[in-house]
């Protein structure tokens, strides 16, 4: 059961927070949805969108997280999940099981996704990948 003494009500409207470039990746921008504060750090919810064409992508990595989903709102992204190439399109939801090694290597100019992760202060650990990664599609 959730601890009601540390949990807060939260309601964030589109104009309440802006997309900012201060996040895990310098080629994305992030919009905080106020959930980390509302849950006392148990969960992070943020919108992530593409700002620049993919050059090298995220590199192989995994997250120190108990729970992680990506829900694609607009556009598409291509990931390698271990040795499997996965196209994630608008409307798709991906559950990244704890410790799964992955690489986001390609995405559309209009890509935007909702990311929900627990805990909010999850870690990202770079690692060696299990296979080669395809080249990204150049933006026109």
Protein backbone atom coordinates (compact mmCIF):
# COMPACT_ATOMS: atom_id res chain seq x y z
CA UNK A 1 0.00 0.00 0.00
CA UNK A 2 1.18 3.52 -0.78
CA UNK A 3 2.12 5.81 2.06
CA UNK A 4 -0.49 8.58 1.98
CA UNK A 5 1.61 10.79 4.25
CA UNK A 6 4.37 11.22 1.64
CA UNK A 7 2.23 11.10 -1.51
CA UNK A 8 0.82 14.36 -2.89
CA UNK A 9 -1.95 15.17 -5.31
CA UNK A 10 -0.53 16.44 -8.60
CA UNK A 11 -2.16 17.99 -11.66
CA UNK A 12 0.15 19.32 -14.36
CA UNK A 13 -1.27 21.10 -17.41
CA UNK A 14 0.66 21.55 -20.68
CA UNK A 15 1.63 25.16 -19.86
CA UNK A 16 2.77 24.35 -16.31
CA UNK A 17 6.16 22.92 -17.27
CA UNK A 18 8.33 23.41 -20.36
CA UNK A 19 10.48 21.03 -22.35
CA UNK A 20 14.08 21.55 -21.26
CA UNK A 21 17.36 20.25 -22.61
CA UNK A 22 18.68 19.22 -19.21
CA UNK A 23 18.26 15.49 -19.07
CA UNK A 24 19.93 12.16 -19.68
CA UNK A 25 20.55 12.78 -23.41
CA UNK A 26 21.63 16.11 -24.92
CA UNK A 27 19.80 15.37 -28.20
CA UNK A 28 16.42 15.08 -26.46
CA UNK A 29 14.38 17.52 -24.40
CA UNK A 30 12.33 16.54 -21.37
CA UNK A 31 9.12 17.79 -19.77
CA UNK A 32 8.66 16.90 -16.11
CA UNK A 33 5.11 15.86 -15.23
CA UNK A 34 5.46 16.40 -11.47
CA UNK A 35 5.14 12.75 -10.53
CA UNK A 36 8.57 12.36 -8.90
CA UNK A 37 7.72 15.11 -6.45
CA UNK A 38 4.17 13.83 -5.92
CA UNK A 39 5.39 10.28 -5.15
CA UNK A 40 8.37 11.31 -3.00
CA UNK A 41 10.75 9.89 -5.61
CA UNK A 42 9.07 6.53 -6.10
CA UNK A 43 8.14 7.20 -9.76
CA UNK A 44 9.31 9.51 -12.55
CA UNK A 45 6.98 10.44 -15.41
CA UNK A 46 8.27 12.65 -18.17
CA UNK A 47 7.71 13.45 -21.81
CA UNK A 48 10.74 12.99 -24.05
CA UNK A 49 11.04 14.41 -27.55
CA UNK A 50 13.66 14.52 -30.27
CA UNK A 51 15.55 17.78 -30.79
CA UNK A 52 18.30 16.70 -33.16
CA UNK A 53 18.81 14.03 -35.80
CA UNK A 54 20.32 10.82 -34.44
CA UNK A 55 24.06 10.68 -34.89
CA UNK A 56 25.08 7.79 -32.69
CA UNK A 57 22.00 7.28 -30.52
CA UNK A 58 22.12 6.37 -26.87
CA UNK A 59 24.79 3.71 -26.97
CA UNK A 60 24.32 0.32 -25.31
CA UNK A 61 23.12 0.67 -21.73
CA UNK A 62 20.71 -0.60 -19.10
CA UNK A 63 18.92 1.08 -16.25
CA UNK A 64 18.99 0.45 -12.54
CA UNK A 65 15.20 0.60 -12.24
CA UNK A 66 12.46 -1.64 -10.88
CA UNK A 67 9.92 -0.56 -13.50
CA UNK A 68 10.28 1.23 -16.85
CA UNK A 69 7.80 1.80 -19.66
CA UNK A 70 7.92 3.86 -22.83
CA UNK A 71 4.63 4.86 -24.47
CA UNK A 72 5.17 6.38 -27.92
CA UNK A 73 2.89 9.40 -28.41
CA UNK A 74 4.13 10.68 -31.78
CA UNK A 75 6.45 9.44 -34.49
CA UNK A 76 8.61 6.35 -34.07
CA UNK A 77 11.90 5.08 -32.69
CA UNK A 78 14.04 2.06 -33.44
CA UNK A 79 15.64 0.27 -30.51
CA UNK A 80 17.85 -2.73 -30.13
CA UNK A 81 16.63 -4.74 -27.14
CA UNK A 82 19.48 -7.16 -26.59
CA UNK A 83 19.80 -8.73 -30.08
CA UNK A 84 16.30 -7.82 -31.31
CA UNK A 85 15.59 -4.74 -33.44
CA UNK A 86 12.26 -3.22 -32.35
CA UNK A 87 10.30 -0.49 -34.13
CA UNK A 88 8.20 1.43 -31.59
CA UNK A 89 5.50 3.55 -33.24
CA UNK A 90 2.85 6.00 -31.98
CA UNK A 91 0.43 4.08 -29.75
CA UNK A 92 2.95 1.33 -28.85
CA UNK A 93 3.89 0.64 -25.25
CA UNK A 94 7.16 -1.07 -24.28
CA UNK A 95 7.92 -2.50 -20.86
CA UNK A 96 11.70 -2.54 -20.41
CA UNK A 97 12.25 -5.28 -17.87
CA UNK A 98 14.85 -4.51 -15.20
CA UNK A 99 18.40 -4.85 -16.54
CA UNK A 100 17.53 -5.25 -20.24
CA UNK A 101 20.43 -4.06 -22.37
CA UNK A 102 19.21 -1.70 -25.08
CA UNK A 103 20.17 0.99 -27.57
CA UNK A 104 17.90 3.66 -29.08
CA UNK A 105 19.61 4.24 -32.42
CA UNK A 106 17.05 5.89 -34.71
CA UNK A 107 13.95 8.07 -34.40
CA UNK A 108 11.71 10.39 -36.37
CA UNK A 109 11.95 14.20 -36.15
CA UNK A 110 8.52 14.32 -34.46
CA UNK A 111 9.23 11.54 -31.94
CA UNK A 112 7.69 12.10 -28.52
CA UNK A 113 7.13 9.52 -25.82
CA UNK A 114 5.96 9.23 -22.25
CA UNK A 115 8.51 7.57 -19.99
CA UNK A 116 7.48 6.19 -16.59
CA UNK A 117 10.26 4.84 -14.37
CA UNK A 118 10.54 3.72 -10.76
CA UNK A 119 12.37 4.82 -8.77
CA UNK A 120 12.64 8.41 -10.02
CA UNK A 121 16.41 8.50 -9.40
CA UNK A 122 17.10 5.44 -11.56
CA UNK A 123 20.61 4.96 -12.90
CA UNK A 124 21.90 4.43 -16.43
CA UNK A 125 24.84 2.09 -16.87
CA UNK A 126 26.76 2.02 -20.17
CA UNK A 127 27.77 -1.44 -21.28
CA UNK A 128 29.09 -3.45 -24.21
CA UNK A 129 26.35 -4.51 -26.59
CA UNK A 130 25.64 -8.04 -27.76
CA UNK A 131 25.59 -7.21 -31.49
CA UNK A 132 26.14 -4.52 -34.13
CA UNK A 133 23.58 -1.72 -34.45
CA UNK A 134 22.06 -0.56 -37.77
CA UNK A 135 22.73 2.98 -39.01
CA UNK A 136 20.07 5.63 -38.35
CA UNK A 137 17.94 7.02 -41.17
CA UNK A 138 19.15 10.51 -42.18
CA UNK A 139 16.67 13.34 -41.65
CA UNK A 140 15.77 15.24 -44.80
